[in-house]
Amino acid sequence: MEKTSKKIERVAFLGDATMGQRESDYALVKKTAELLAKNGIIVVDGGGSGVMRAATEGAKAGGGRVEVVIIDQNKEPGNYEGADEENLKLADEVYQTNNYQERLNKLVELADAFVVFRGGTGTLSEVGLVWEMAKFDYGHHEPVVFVGREWEAVVKTITEKMGFEEKEKRVVKVVMTAEEVWETLARVGN
């Protein structure tokens, strides 16, 4: 992964809102957020359940700060996962937006890097935007770290088959552990 001139102070966690607390990935998300928080990183997430709640819980276990971005509960679309009340109670700051696009834009605005766990179409839309933004801001980009085996094949296929430029390939990395997430961010950030 290419080094960035950006100082990494806030890391957004992206991934599956339906991930259950008993799943091994949930523990990995928590461990990752806890490790980042112990190293002074502010954790940012979408205020929902699954990966988002695990990130908040992990950051708080690590003594860290959490900022969440939600859609105003009076304006939520019908099949949106919504905000998780426990997540909101633990958050140090809650930003309310009017719709999904505003929510995503605020997450992008706040974050200096992104950690991506498995997820659905919402996660894919987030990945598409943050990866493209990293390309546009190359050299001062927000690194995108994918966590988990399932991402190896996905990232490899996308970068090999979709005509990506070399610099687009150098703003992302696939890792397997919380420690690798921290090591990657510490190595590429200022």
Protein backbone atom coordinates (compact mmCIF):
# COMPACT_ATOMS: atom_id res chain seq x y z
CA MET A 1 0.00 0.00 0.00
CA GLU A 2 1.24 3.46 -0.95
CA LYS A 3 2.14 5.93 1.81
CA THR A 4 -0.13 8.96 2.21
CA SER A 5 0.73 12.46 3.37
CA LYS A 6 -2.49 12.42 5.39
CA LYS A 7 -2.28 12.14 9.16
CA ILE A 8 -4.53 9.26 10.17
CA GLU A 9 -6.56 10.32 13.20
CA ARG A 10 -10.02 8.92 12.38
CA VAL A 11 -10.75 5.52 10.88
CA ALA A 12 -14.20 4.60 9.55
CA PHE A 13 -15.39 1.01 9.90
CA LEU A 14 -17.55 -0.30 7.06
CA GLY A 15 -19.36 -3.63 6.80
CA ASP A 16 -22.37 -5.82 7.45
CA ALA A 17 -25.09 -4.34 9.66
CA THR A 18 -26.57 -7.81 10.17
CA MET A 19 -23.40 -9.43 11.52
CA GLY A 20 -24.29 -11.20 14.76
CA GLN A 21 -22.41 -10.87 18.02
CA ARG A 22 -21.59 -14.58 18.05
CA GLU A 23 -19.86 -14.53 14.67
CA SER A 24 -16.06 -14.68 14.67
CA ASP A 25 -15.92 -11.60 12.46
CA TYR A 26 -17.73 -9.59 15.16
CA ALA A 27 -14.90 -10.36 17.58
CA LEU A 28 -12.36 -9.38 14.91
CA VAL A 29 -14.08 -6.02 14.35
CA LYS A 30 -14.10 -5.36 18.11
CA LYS A 31 -10.46 -6.34 18.48
CA THR A 32 -9.47 -4.11 15.54
CA ALA A 33 -11.33 -1.09 16.92
CA GLU A 34 -9.93 -1.68 20.40
CA LEU A 35 -6.36 -1.83 19.06
CA LEU A 36 -6.81 1.33 17.00
CA ALA A 37 -8.37 3.16 19.98
CA LYS A 38 -5.49 2.14 22.24
CA ASN A 39 -3.22 3.78 19.66
CA GLY A 40 -5.12 7.06 19.74
CA ILE A 41 -7.34 6.56 16.68
CA ILE A 42 -10.92 7.87 16.76
CA VAL A 43 -13.35 5.25 15.46
CA VAL A 44 -16.08 6.41 13.08
CA ASP A 45 -19.04 4.29 12.00
CA GLY A 46 -22.60 4.45 10.73
CA GLY A 47 -24.25 4.11 14.14
CA GLY A 48 -26.01 0.87 13.31
CA SER A 49 -25.76 -2.73 14.42
CA GLY A 50 -23.35 -5.46 13.28
CA VAL A 51 -19.90 -4.19 12.24
CA MET A 52 -20.80 -0.69 13.37
CA ARG A 53 -21.78 -1.69 16.91
CA ALA A 54 -18.78 -4.02 17.18
CA ALA A 55 -16.50 -1.12 16.18
CA THR A 56 -18.04 1.14 18.81
CA GLU A 57 -17.81 -1.52 21.52
CA GLY A 58 -14.19 -2.24 20.64
CA ALA A 59 -13.18 1.41 20.62
CA LYS A 60 -14.79 1.98 24.01
CA ALA A 61 -13.05 -1.14 25.41
CA GLY A 62 -9.80 0.43 24.22
CA GLY A 63 -10.58 3.70 26.01
CA GLY A 64 -11.17 5.53 22.74
CA ARG A 65 -13.51 8.03 21.19
CA VAL A 66 -16.37 7.09 18.84
CA GLU A 67 -18.19 9.28 16.33
CA VAL A 68 -21.22 7.92 14.51
CA VAL A 69 -23.11 9.16 11.47
CA ILE A 70 -26.79 8.27 11.20
CA ILE A 71 -29.78 9.12 9.07
CA ASP A 72 -32.36 11.20 10.97
CA GLN A 73 -34.72 8.57 12.38
CA ASN A 74 -37.72 10.49 11.03
CA LYS A 75 -36.30 10.28 7.49
CA GLU A 76 -35.01 6.69 7.35
CA PRO A 77 -35.87 4.72 4.20
CA GLY A 78 -37.95 1.57 4.74
CA ASN A 79 -35.23 -1.05 4.39
CA TYR A 80 -32.39 0.89 6.04
CA GLU A 81 -30.84 -0.92 9.03
CA GLY A 82 -31.37 2.13 11.23
CA ALA A 83 -29.42 3.31 14.22
CA ASP A 84 -28.62 0.94 17.06
CA GLU A 85 -29.63 2.43 20.42
CA GLU A 86 -26.74 0.77 22.27
CA ASN A 87 -24.31 2.13 19.67
CA LEU A 88 -25.73 5.63 20.07
CA LYS A 89 -25.48 5.45 23.88
CA LEU A 90 -21.77 4.62 23.65
CA ALA A 91 -20.94 7.24 21.01
CA ASP A 92 -19.11 10.41 21.97
CA GLU A 93 -20.59 12.32 19.05
CA VAL A 94 -23.58 11.62 16.80
CA TYR A 95 -23.97 13.33 13.43
CA GLN A 96 -27.47 13.25 11.88
CA THR A 97 -27.98 13.40 8.13
CA ASN A 98 -31.08 13.48 5.93
CA ASN A 99 -30.42 10.49 3.66
CA TYR A 100 -28.02 7.70 2.72
CA GLN A 101 -25.91 9.86 0.41
CA GLU A 102 -25.43 12.54 3.06
CA ARG A 103 -24.55 9.84 5.59
CA LEU A 104 -21.94 8.36 3.29
CA ASN A 105 -20.52 11.78 2.41
CA LYS A 106 -20.18 12.63 6.12
CA LEU A 107 -18.40 9.33 6.82
CA VAL A 108 -15.99 10.11 3.98
CA GLU A 109 -15.50 13.67 5.22
CA LEU A 110 -14.64 12.53 8.76
CA ALA A 111 -12.40 9.56 8.00
CA ASP A 112 -8.69 9.60 7.27
CA ALA A 113 -8.73 5.87 6.44
CA PHE A 114 -11.24 3.06 6.03
CA VAL A 115 -11.34 -0.48 7.38
CA VAL A 116 -13.74 -2.71 5.45
CA PHE A 117 -15.22 -5.98 6.68
CA ARG A 118 -17.59 -8.27 4.79
CA GLY A 119 -20.96 -6.77 3.95
CA GLY A 120 -23.69 -6.34 1.37
CA THR A 121 -24.62 -3.79 -1.27
CA GLY A 122 -24.34 -0.88 1.18
CA THR A 123 -20.76 -1.89 1.90
CA LEU A 124 -20.06 -2.21 -1.82
CA SER A 125 -21.40 1.28 -2.50
CA GLU A 126 -19.23 2.66 0.30
CA VAL A 127 -16.19 0.82 -1.04
CA GLY A 128 -16.75 2.16 -4.55
CA LEU A 129 -16.82 5.73 -3.33
CA VAL A 130 -13.90 5.56 -0.91
CA TRP A 131 -11.70 3.67 -3.37
CA GLU A 132 -12.40 6.24 -6.09
CA MET A 133 -11.75 9.11 -3.68
CA ALA A 134 -8.42 7.51 -2.75
CA LYS A 135 -7.50 7.45 -6.44
CA PHE A 136 -8.44 11.11 -6.91
CA ASP A 137 -6.46 12.16 -3.83
CA TYR A 138 -3.52 9.85 -4.56
CA GLY A 139 -0.57 10.80 -2.38
CA HIS A 140 -2.90 12.52 0.09
CA HIS A 141 -5.44 9.69 -0.02
CA GLU A 142 -7.43 7.87 2.63
CA PRO A 143 -6.10 4.29 2.68
CA VAL A 144 -8.65 1.47 2.32
CA VAL A 145 -7.85 -1.69 4.31
CA PHE A 146 -9.97 -4.76 3.58
CA VAL A 147 -10.12 -7.34 6.38
CA GLY A 148 -10.78 -11.02 5.76
CA ARG A 149 -10.17 -13.87 3.34
CA GLU A 150 -13.31 -13.17 1.33
CA TRP A 151 -11.80 -9.87 0.24
CA GLU A 152 -8.67 -11.49 -1.26
CA ALA A 153 -10.49 -12.89 -4.27
CA VAL A 154 -12.78 -9.88 -4.62
CA VAL A 155 -9.98 -7.30 -4.62
CA LYS A 156 -7.79 -9.46 -6.86
CA THR A 157 -10.58 -9.95 -9.42
CA ILE A 158 -11.55 -6.28 -9.44
CA THR A 159 -8.01 -4.99 -9.81
CA GLU A 160 -7.04 -7.54 -12.46
CA LYS A 161 -10.21 -7.69 -14.55
CA MET A 162 -11.64 -4.17 -14.43
CA GLY A 163 -8.84 -2.14 -16.00
CA PHE A 164 -7.62 -0.45 -12.82
CA GLU A 165 -4.69 1.94 -13.03
CA GLU A 166 -1.60 1.04 -11.00
CA LYS A 167 -2.18 3.84 -8.50
CA GLU A 168 -5.70 2.53 -7.82
CA LYS A 169 -4.16 -0.77 -6.79
CA ARG A 170 -1.72 0.92 -4.40
CA VAL A 171 -4.30 2.65 -2.18
CA VAL A 172 -5.79 -0.62 -0.89
CA LYS A 173 -4.54 -3.62 1.03
CA VAL A 174 -6.11 -6.89 2.17
CA VAL A 175 -5.17 -8.12 5.65
CA MET A 176 -6.39 -10.83 8.02
CA THR A 177 -5.81 -9.58 11.56
CA ALA A 178 -6.37 -6.56 13.78
CA GLU A 179 -2.63 -6.26 14.20
CA GLU A 180 -2.14 -6.11 10.43
CA VAL A 181 -4.73 -3.33 10.19
CA TRP A 182 -2.85 -1.25 12.77
CA GLU A 183 0.58 -2.03 11.27
CA THR A 184 -0.66 -1.03 7.80
CA LEU A 185 -2.18 2.25 8.95
CA ALA A 186 0.82 3.12 11.11
CA ARG A 187 3.18 2.44 8.17
CA VAL A 188 1.30 4.41 5.50
CA GLY A 189 0.04 7.40 7.51
CA ASN A 190 1.85 10.42 8.84
